[in-house]
Amino acid sequence: MTVLAVDIQEKRYPAVGRAGANLALKDLRFEVARGELVCVVGPSGCGKTTLLNIIAGLDRAFAGHLTQPPSAGGRPQIGYVFQNARLLPWRTVLENIELVMPPGEGRRQRILDLLAVTGLGDVAHVYPERLSVGMARRVALARAFAIDPHLLLLDEPFVSLDEPTAQRLRALLVEIWRRQPTTVLFVTHDLREAILLADRILVLSPPPARVAASIPVTLPRETRHADAALEALRQRLLREFGESFGSL
């Protein structure tokens, strides 16, 4: 079943001052199936974040349409993890997550369960200033899953982290995704990361961005961490789709 169908005919930013108008997206179309983990890659500045903002409903100034099935409340339930954690500094970890959840019995226990899964059970009552960057990113993941989203959007959530920390967070994302199945659209500039995570990779062209390639990742997940297997697939994709991948 299709959870998301995207048909963006055009997304244009108007001229501001001396900067001319910018055509960011053009004839960009794709679908995502229920439970699929899709990674979106493409050249820097090609409109990956713009695409996520349109899907999230944060940017409605575009020509085209999106199709998403409504949740039980009548609206699509979308979780969004940004490049930075965006935690309110005057609220504790637990309170930051409580903000996105409707009131109800069992809410606090659900949060504590998610914090335990993410290895943050001991910092529920800690303020964000006491957290490392990696811990703050884990809080952001827990917050996104706390609303039980039908669609989870992630915008380079592990960028700028050292590789061991990023690798632990990738494994954590997959673990939570398997415990709490949802549909995931994950933006990354890192083809290696995309291969590690994705069921399918969407490659965007240089702007105005369109879908240049849709590539299933058939490598079994249990073998993806083997450097030889991952690098062999990465090199094959670069050979077959080199022009689409640009500098990835």
C-alpha atoms as a PDB file:
ATOM      1  CA  MET A   1       0.000   0.000   0.000  1.00  0.00           C
ATOM      2  CA  THR A   2       1.271   3.462  -0.916  1.00  0.00           C
ATOM      3  CA  VAL A   3       1.709   5.715   2.124  1.00  0.00           C
ATOM      4  CA  LEU A   4       3.086   8.715   0.253  1.00  0.00           C
ATOM      5  CA  ALA A   5       2.704   9.840  -3.348  1.00  0.00           C
ATOM      6  CA  VAL A   6       4.614  12.984  -4.334  1.00  0.00           C
ATOM      7  CA  ASP A   7       3.911  14.970  -7.504  1.00  0.00           C
ATOM      8  CA  ILE A   8       5.684  18.324  -7.359  1.00  0.00           C
ATOM      9  CA  GLN A   9       5.311  20.100 -10.672  1.00  0.00           C
ATOM     10  CA  GLU A  10       7.311  23.101  -9.540  1.00  0.00           C
ATOM     11  CA  LYS A  11       8.788  24.665  -6.420  1.00  0.00           C
ATOM     12  CA  ARG A  12      10.167  28.130  -6.983  1.00  0.00           C
ATOM     13  CA  TYR A  13      11.657  30.602  -4.494  1.00  0.00           C
ATOM     14  CA  PRO A  14      10.849  34.212  -5.411  1.00  0.00           C
ATOM     15  CA  ALA A  15      13.512  36.838  -5.987  1.00  0.00           C
ATOM     16  CA  VAL A  16      14.765  38.554  -2.825  1.00  0.00           C
ATOM     17  CA  GLY A  17      16.842  41.728  -3.130  1.00  0.00           C
ATOM     18  CA  ARG A  18      19.539  41.150  -5.706  1.00  0.00           C
ATOM     19  CA  ALA A  19      19.060  37.390  -5.644  1.00  0.00           C
ATOM     20  CA  GLY A  20      16.960  36.209  -8.543  1.00  0.00           C
ATOM     21  CA  ALA A  21      14.151  33.680  -8.412  1.00  0.00           C
ATOM     22  CA  ASN A  22      15.276  30.094  -7.854  1.00  0.00           C
ATOM     23  CA  LEU A  23      13.582  27.072  -9.406  1.00  0.00           C
ATOM     24  CA  ALA A  24      14.356  24.390  -6.813  1.00  0.00           C
ATOM     25  CA  LEU A  25      12.206  21.395  -7.828  1.00  0.00           C
ATOM     26  CA  LYS A  26      10.678  20.504 -11.199  1.00  0.00           C
ATOM     27  CA  ASP A  27       8.556  17.477 -12.191  1.00  0.00           C
ATOM     28  CA  LEU A  28       9.609  15.548  -9.090  1.00  0.00           C
ATOM     29  CA  ARG A  29       7.474  12.426  -8.665  1.00  0.00           C
ATOM     30  CA  PHE A  30       7.751   9.249  -6.587  1.00  0.00           C
ATOM     31  CA  GLU A  31       5.819   6.948  -4.261  1.00  0.00           C
ATOM     32  CA  VAL A  32       6.746   5.295  -0.966  1.00  0.00           C
ATOM     33  CA  ALA A  33       5.148   2.042   0.213  1.00  0.00           C
ATOM     34  CA  ARG A  34       3.993   1.286   3.740  1.00  0.00           C
ATOM     35  CA  GLY A  35       6.887   0.219   5.955  1.00  0.00           C
ATOM     36  CA  GLU A  36       9.541   1.157   3.399  1.00  0.00           C
ATOM     37  CA  LEU A  37      12.766   2.890   4.437  1.00  0.00           C
ATOM     38  CA  VAL A  38      13.765   5.144   1.552  1.00  0.00           C
ATOM     39  CA  CYS A  39      16.940   7.240   1.502  1.00  0.00           C
ATOM     40  CA  VAL A  40      17.118  10.394  -0.621  1.00  0.00           C
ATOM     41  CA  VAL A  41      20.535  11.457  -1.903  1.00  0.00           C
ATOM     42  CA  GLY A  42      21.685  14.091  -4.356  1.00  0.00           C
ATOM     43  CA  PRO A  43      24.139  16.934  -4.902  1.00  0.00           C
ATOM     44  CA  SER A  44      24.473  19.576  -2.209  1.00  0.00           C
ATOM     45  CA  GLY A  45      21.836  22.276  -2.623  1.00  0.00           C
ATOM     46  CA  CYS A  46      19.590  20.214  -4.878  1.00  0.00           C
ATOM     47  CA  GLY A  47      16.499  20.654  -2.686  1.00  0.00           C
ATOM     48  CA  LYS A  48      16.447  17.632  -0.386  1.00  0.00           C
ATOM     49  CA  THR A  49      15.435  19.660   2.689  1.00  0.00           C
ATOM     50  CA  THR A  50      12.924  21.624   0.613  1.00  0.00           C
ATOM     51  CA  LEU A  51      11.337  18.329  -0.381  1.00  0.00           C
ATOM     52  CA  LEU A  52      11.003  17.192   3.238  1.00  0.00           C
ATOM     53  CA  ASN A  53       9.532  20.541   4.283  1.00  0.00           C
ATOM     54  CA  ILE A  54       6.884  20.265   1.568  1.00  0.00           C
ATOM     55  CA  ILE A  55       5.972  16.722   2.636  1.00  0.00           C
ATOM     56  CA  ALA A  56       5.807  17.817   6.287  1.00  0.00           C
ATOM     57  CA  GLY A  57       3.438  20.653   5.399  1.00  0.00           C
ATOM     58  CA  LEU A  58       5.925  23.331   6.472  1.00  0.00           C
ATOM     59  CA  ASP A  59       6.120  24.722   2.918  1.00  0.00           C
ATOM     60  CA  ARG A  60       2.868  24.930   0.965  1.00  0.00           C
ATOM     61  CA  ALA A  61       4.044  27.339  -1.731  1.00  0.00           C
ATOM     62  CA  PHE A  62       4.488  24.845  -4.563  1.00  0.00           C
ATOM     63  CA  ALA A  63       2.625  23.609  -7.632  1.00  0.00           C
ATOM     64  CA  GLY A  64       1.568  19.982  -7.415  1.00  0.00           C
ATOM     65  CA  HIS A  65       0.040  17.697  -4.837  1.00  0.00           C
ATOM     66  CA  LEU A  66       0.817  15.091  -2.188  1.00  0.00           C
ATOM     67  CA  THR A  67      -1.270  12.050  -1.352  1.00  0.00           C
ATOM     68  CA  GLN A  68      -1.091  10.648   2.170  1.00  0.00           C
ATOM     69  CA  PRO A  69      -3.713   8.494   3.915  1.00  0.00           C
ATOM     70  CA  PRO A  70      -5.164  10.173   7.018  1.00  0.00           C
ATOM     71  CA  SER A  71      -4.470   8.776  10.479  1.00  0.00           C
ATOM     72  CA  ALA A  72      -7.172   7.896  12.979  1.00  0.00           C
ATOM     73  CA  GLY A  73      -7.450  11.592  13.887  1.00  0.00           C
ATOM     74  CA  GLY A  74      -8.166  12.561  10.301  1.00  0.00           C
ATOM     75  CA  ARG A  75      -4.722  13.981   9.474  1.00  0.00           C
ATOM     76  CA  PRO A  76      -1.451  12.294   8.489  1.00  0.00           C
ATOM     77  CA  GLN A  77       0.738  11.709  11.547  1.00  0.00           C
ATOM     78  CA  ILE A  78       4.239  12.819  10.577  1.00  0.00           C
ATOM     79  CA  GLY A  79       7.400  12.736  12.673  1.00  0.00           C
ATOM     80  CA  TYR A  80      10.294  14.996  11.674  1.00  0.00           C
ATOM     81  CA  VAL A  81      13.917  14.734  12.853  1.00  0.00           C
ATOM     82  CA  PHE A  82      15.955  17.774  11.831  1.00  0.00           C
ATOM     83  CA  GLN A  83      19.713  18.183  11.402  1.00  0.00           C
ATOM     84  CA  ASN A  84      19.881  19.580  14.934  1.00  0.00           C
ATOM     85  CA  ALA A  85      17.880  18.222  17.841  1.00  0.00           C
ATOM     86  CA  ARG A  86      15.815  21.396  18.457  1.00  0.00           C
ATOM     87  CA  LEU A  87      15.239  20.719  22.139  1.00  0.00           C
ATOM     88  CA  LEU A  88      13.813  23.433  24.372  1.00  0.00           C
ATOM     89  CA  PRO A  89      16.605  24.250  26.862  1.00  0.00           C
ATOM     90  CA  TRP A  90      14.215  25.129  29.714  1.00  0.00           C
ATOM     91  CA  ARG A  91      12.501  21.713  29.628  1.00  0.00           C
ATOM     92  CA  THR A  92      13.888  18.340  30.642  1.00  0.00           C
ATOM     93  CA  VAL A  93      14.333  15.472  28.209  1.00  0.00           C
ATOM     94  CA  LEU A  94      11.043  13.947  29.324  1.00  0.00           C
ATOM     95  CA  GLU A  95       9.232  17.284  29.096  1.00  0.00           C
ATOM     96  CA  ASN A  96      10.567  17.919  25.583  1.00  0.00           C
ATOM     97  CA  ILE A  97       9.035  14.664  24.427  1.00  0.00           C
ATOM     98  CA  GLU A  98       5.788  15.216  26.329  1.00  0.00           C
ATOM     99  CA  LEU A  99       5.205  18.390  24.296  1.00  0.00           C
ATOM    100  CA  VAL A 100       4.516  16.454  21.077  1.00  0.00           C
ATOM    101  CA  MET A 101       2.156  13.920  22.660  1.00  0.00           C
ATOM    102  CA  PRO A 102      -1.540  14.353  23.434  1.00  0.00           C
ATOM    103  CA  PRO A 103      -2.473  14.074  27.118  1.00  0.00           C
ATOM    104  CA  GLY A 104      -3.619  10.678  28.266  1.00  0.00           C
ATOM    105  CA  GLU A 105      -3.025   7.803  30.590  1.00  0.00           C
ATOM    106  CA  GLY A 106       0.189   5.948  29.910  1.00  0.00           C
ATOM    107  CA  ARG A 107       1.869   8.850  28.121  1.00  0.00           C
ATOM    108  CA  ARG A 108       4.733   9.159  30.598  1.00  0.00           C
ATOM    109  CA  GLN A 109       5.367   5.404  30.675  1.00  0.00           C
ATOM    110  CA  ARG A 110       5.534   5.319  26.865  1.00  0.00           C
ATOM    111  CA  ILE A 111       8.175   8.041  26.943  1.00  0.00           C
ATOM    112  CA  LEU A 112      10.183   6.243  29.610  1.00  0.00           C
ATOM    113  CA  ASP A 113      10.026   3.043  27.554  1.00  0.00           C
ATOM    114  CA  LEU A 114      11.353   4.875  24.480  1.00  0.00           C
ATOM    115  CA  LEU A 115      14.114   6.481  26.515  1.00  0.00           C
ATOM    116  CA  ALA A 116      15.109   3.057  27.801  1.00  0.00           C
ATOM    117  CA  VAL A 117      15.286   1.691  24.240  1.00  0.00           C
ATOM    118  CA  THR A 118      17.471   4.630  23.199  1.00  0.00           C
ATOM    119  CA  GLY A 119      19.756   4.226  26.216  1.00  0.00           C
ATOM    120  CA  LEU A 120      18.560   7.467  27.807  1.00  0.00           C
ATOM    121  CA  GLY A 121      16.661   6.116  30.768  1.00  0.00           C
ATOM    122  CA  ASP A 122      19.018   7.835  33.207  1.00  0.00           C
ATOM    123  CA  VAL A 123      18.610  11.317  31.715  1.00  0.00           C
ATOM    124  CA  ALA A 124      14.819  11.681  31.620  1.00  0.00           C
ATOM    125  CA  HIS A 125      14.960  14.585  34.075  1.00  0.00           C
ATOM    126  CA  VAL A 126      18.125  16.181  32.701  1.00  0.00           C
ATOM    127  CA  TYR A 127      18.120  19.487  30.793  1.00  0.00           C
ATOM    128  CA  PRO A 128      19.463  19.552  27.201  1.00  0.00           C
ATOM    129  CA  GLU A 129      22.565  21.590  28.101  1.00  0.00           C
ATOM    130  CA  ARG A 130      23.885  18.541  29.959  1.00  0.00           C
ATOM    131  CA  LEU A 131      23.584  16.273  26.911  1.00  0.00           C
ATOM    132  CA  SER A 132      26.226  15.473  24.329  1.00  0.00           C
ATOM    133  CA  VAL A 133      25.337  16.047  20.676  1.00  0.00           C
ATOM    134  CA  GLY A 134      24.842  12.311  20.181  1.00  0.00           C
ATOM    135  CA  MET A 135      22.533  12.067  23.201  1.00  0.00           C
ATOM    136  CA  ALA A 136      20.496  15.032  21.977  1.00  0.00           C
ATOM    137  CA  ARG A 137      20.071  13.317  18.595  1.00  0.00           C
ATOM    138  CA  ARG A 138      18.814  10.215  20.420  1.00  0.00           C
ATOM    139  CA  VAL A 139      16.256  12.345  22.251  1.00  0.00           C
ATOM    140  CA  ALA A 140      15.113  13.708  18.883  1.00  0.00           C
ATOM    141  CA  LEU A 141      14.656  10.153  17.593  1.00  0.00           C
ATOM    142  CA  ALA A 142      12.675   9.159  20.673  1.00  0.00           C
ATOM    143  CA  ARG A 143      10.492  12.263  20.301  1.00  0.00           C
ATOM    144  CA  ALA A 144       9.750  11.460  16.653  1.00  0.00           C
ATOM    145  CA  PHE A 145       8.727   7.878  17.423  1.00  0.00           C
ATOM    146  CA  ALA A 146       6.714   8.929  20.497  1.00  0.00           C
ATOM    147  CA  ILE A 147       3.798  10.116  18.339  1.00  0.00           C
ATOM    148  CA  ASP A 148       3.648   6.743  16.542  1.00  0.00           C
ATOM    149  CA  PRO A 149       4.028   8.392  13.119  1.00  0.00           C
ATOM    150  CA  HIS A 150       2.702   6.823   9.955  1.00  0.00           C
ATOM    151  CA  LEU A 151       5.550   8.655   8.161  1.00  0.00           C
ATOM    152  CA  LEU A 152       8.933   9.596   9.637  1.00  0.00           C
ATOM    153  CA  LEU A 153      11.070  12.259   7.933  1.00  0.00           C
ATOM    154  CA  LEU A 154      14.769  12.563   8.807  1.00  0.00           C
ATOM    155  CA  ASP A 155      16.931  15.366   7.426  1.00  0.00           C
ATOM    156  CA  GLU A 156      20.593  14.315   7.719  1.00  0.00           C
ATOM    157  CA  PRO A 157      20.093  13.572  11.430  1.00  0.00           C
ATOM    158  CA  PHE A 158      23.590  12.152  11.933  1.00  0.00           C
ATOM    159  CA  VAL A 159      25.574  14.759   9.997  1.00  0.00           C
ATOM    160  CA  SER A 160      28.693  16.181  11.722  1.00  0.00           C
ATOM    161  CA  LEU A 161      28.895  13.278  14.185  1.00  0.00           C
ATOM    162  CA  ASP A 162      32.044  11.183  14.424  1.00  0.00           C
ATOM    163  CA  GLU A 163      31.666   7.893  12.575  1.00  0.00           C
ATOM    164  CA  PRO A 164      31.435   5.571  15.637  1.00  0.00           C
ATOM    165  CA  THR A 165      28.628   7.716  17.109  1.00  0.00           C
ATOM    166  CA  ALA A 166      26.846   7.966  13.755  1.00  0.00           C
ATOM    167  CA  GLN A 167      27.085   4.201  13.333  1.00  0.00           C
ATOM    168  CA  ARG A 168      25.536   3.593  16.766  1.00  0.00           C
ATOM    169  CA  LEU A 169      22.673   5.950  15.937  1.00  0.00           C
ATOM    170  CA  ARG A 170      22.049   4.285  12.569  1.00  0.00           C
ATOM    171  CA  ALA A 171      21.783   0.934  14.329  1.00  0.00           C
ATOM    172  CA  LEU A 172      19.476   2.488  16.911  1.00  0.00           C
ATOM    173  CA  LEU A 173      17.224   3.922  14.208  1.00  0.00           C
ATOM    174  CA  VAL A 174      16.881   0.515  12.553  1.00  0.00           C
ATOM    175  CA  GLU A 175      16.221  -1.158  15.916  1.00  0.00           C
ATOM    176  CA  ILE A 176      13.421   1.270  16.825  1.00  0.00           C
ATOM    177  CA  TRP A 177      12.017   1.083  13.282  1.00  0.00           C
ATOM    178  CA  ARG A 178      11.802  -2.700  13.588  1.00  0.00           C
ATOM    179  CA  ARG A 179      10.172  -2.485  17.031  1.00  0.00           C
ATOM    180  CA  GLN A 180       7.730   0.197  15.888  1.00  0.00           C
ATOM    181  CA  PRO A 181       7.292  -0.232  12.115  1.00  0.00           C
ATOM    182  CA  THR A 182       6.658   2.936  10.165  1.00  0.00           C
ATOM    183  CA  THR A 183       7.462   4.409   6.775  1.00  0.00           C
ATOM    184  CA  VAL A 184      10.728   6.370   6.656  1.00  0.00           C
ATOM    185  CA  LEU A 185      12.093   9.002   4.268  1.00  0.00           C
ATOM    186  CA  PHE A 186      15.733   9.683   5.193  1.00  0.00           C
ATOM    187  CA  VAL A 187      17.756  12.461   3.540  1.00  0.00           C
ATOM    188  CA  THR A 188      21.533  12.033   3.474  1.00  0.00           C
ATOM    189  CA  HIS A 189      24.512  13.297   1.486  1.00  0.00           C
ATOM    190  CA  ASP A 190      26.368  10.043   2.247  1.00  0.00           C
ATOM    191  CA  LEU A 191      25.878   7.182  -0.233  1.00  0.00           C
ATOM    192  CA  ARG A 192      27.490   4.746   2.205  1.00  0.00           C
ATOM    193  CA  GLU A 193      24.929   5.686   4.865  1.00  0.00           C
ATOM    194  CA  ALA A 194      22.123   5.289   2.335  1.00  0.00           C
ATOM    195  CA  ILE A 195      23.264   1.751   1.483  1.00  0.00           C
ATOM    196  CA  LEU A 196      23.511   0.845   5.169  1.00  0.00           C
ATOM    197  CA  LEU A 197      19.938   1.940   5.888  1.00  0.00           C
ATOM    198  CA  ALA A 198      17.734   1.877   2.818  1.00  0.00           C
ATOM    199  CA  ASP A 199      15.337  -0.525   1.210  1.00  0.00           C
ATOM    200  CA  ARG A 200      15.521   1.840  -1.753  1.00  0.00           C
ATOM    201  CA  ILE A 201      17.603   4.881  -2.713  1.00  0.00           C
ATOM    202  CA  LEU A 202      16.134   7.872  -4.546  1.00  0.00           C
ATOM    203  CA  VAL A 203      18.721   9.966  -6.360  1.00  0.00           C
ATOM    204  CA  LEU A 204      17.839  13.594  -7.033  1.00  0.00           C
ATOM    205  CA  SER A 205      19.366  15.498  -9.943  1.00  0.00           C
ATOM    206  CA  PRO A 206      21.038  18.898  -9.667  1.00  0.00           C
ATOM    207  CA  PRO A 207      18.484  21.731  -9.367  1.00  0.00           C
ATOM    208  CA  PRO A 208      15.817  22.003 -10.444  1.00  0.00           C
ATOM    209  CA  ALA A 209      15.692  18.598  -8.795  1.00  0.00           C
ATOM    210  CA  ARG A 210      13.800  15.612 -10.139  1.00  0.00           C
ATOM    211  CA  VAL A 211      14.135  11.895  -9.415  1.00  0.00           C
ATOM    212  CA  ALA A 212      17.079  10.790 -11.519  1.00  0.00           C
ATOM    213  CA  ALA A 213      17.134   7.168 -10.305  1.00  0.00           C
ATOM    214  CA  SER A 214      15.276   4.821  -7.962  1.00  0.00           C
ATOM    215  CA  ILE A 215      17.560   2.014  -6.817  1.00  0.00           C
ATOM    216  CA  PRO A 216      16.474  -0.977  -4.693  1.00  0.00           C
ATOM    217  CA  VAL A 217      19.073  -2.097  -2.135  1.00  0.00           C
ATOM    218  CA  THR A 218      18.909  -5.889  -2.152  1.00  0.00           C
ATOM    219  CA  LEU A 219      22.014  -6.509  -0.053  1.00  0.00           C
ATOM    220  CA  PRO A 220      20.883  -8.371   3.120  1.00  0.00           C
ATOM    221  CA  ARG A 221      20.929  -6.068   6.137  1.00  0.00           C
ATOM    222  CA  GLU A 222      23.005  -8.491   8.191  1.00  0.00           C
ATOM    223  CA  THR A 223      25.872  -8.229   5.655  1.00  0.00           C
ATOM    224  CA  ARG A 224      25.751  -4.490   4.999  1.00  0.00           C
ATOM    225  CA  HIS A 225      28.289  -3.635   7.688  1.00  0.00           C
ATOM    226  CA  ALA A 226      30.913  -5.758   5.956  1.00  0.00           C
ATOM    227  CA  ASP A 227      33.118  -3.111   4.378  1.00  0.00           C
ATOM    228  CA  ALA A 228      33.904  -5.206   1.305  1.00  0.00           C
ATOM    229  CA  ALA A 229      30.248  -5.903   0.475  1.00  0.00           C
ATOM    230  CA  LEU A 230      29.172  -2.319   1.101  1.00  0.00           C
ATOM    231  CA  GLU A 231      32.007  -0.820  -0.904  1.00  0.00           C
ATOM    232  CA  ALA A 232      31.424  -3.230  -3.784  1.00  0.00           C
ATOM    233  CA  LEU A 233      27.786  -2.103  -3.995  1.00  0.00           C
ATOM    234  CA  ARG A 234      28.764   1.547  -3.631  1.00  0.00           C
ATOM    235  CA  GLN A 235      31.249   1.311  -6.484  1.00  0.00           C
ATOM    236  CA  ARG A 236      28.717  -0.511  -8.686  1.00  0.00           C
ATOM    237  CA  LEU A 237      26.123   2.197  -8.102  1.00  0.00           C
ATOM    238  CA  LEU A 238      28.668   4.904  -8.857  1.00  0.00           C
ATOM    239  CA  ARG A 239      29.560   3.175 -12.125  1.00  0.00           C
ATOM    240  CA  GLU A 240      25.929   2.703 -13.168  1.00  0.00           C
ATOM    241  CA  PHE A 241      24.548   6.041 -11.969  1.00  0.00           C
ATOM    242  CA  GLY A 242      27.681   8.184 -11.737  1.00  0.00           C
ATOM    243  CA  GLU A 243      26.197  11.222 -13.459  1.00  0.00           C
ATOM    244  CA  SER A 244      23.163  11.168 -11.148  1.00  0.00           C
ATOM    245  CA  PHE A 245      25.213  10.820  -7.986  1.00  0.00           C
ATOM    246  CA  GLY A 246      27.489  13.712  -8.822  1.00  0.00           C
ATOM    247  CA  SER A 247      30.131  14.005  -6.088  1.00  0.00           C
ATOM    248  CA  LEU A 248      28.666  11.427  -3.679  1.00  0.00           C
END
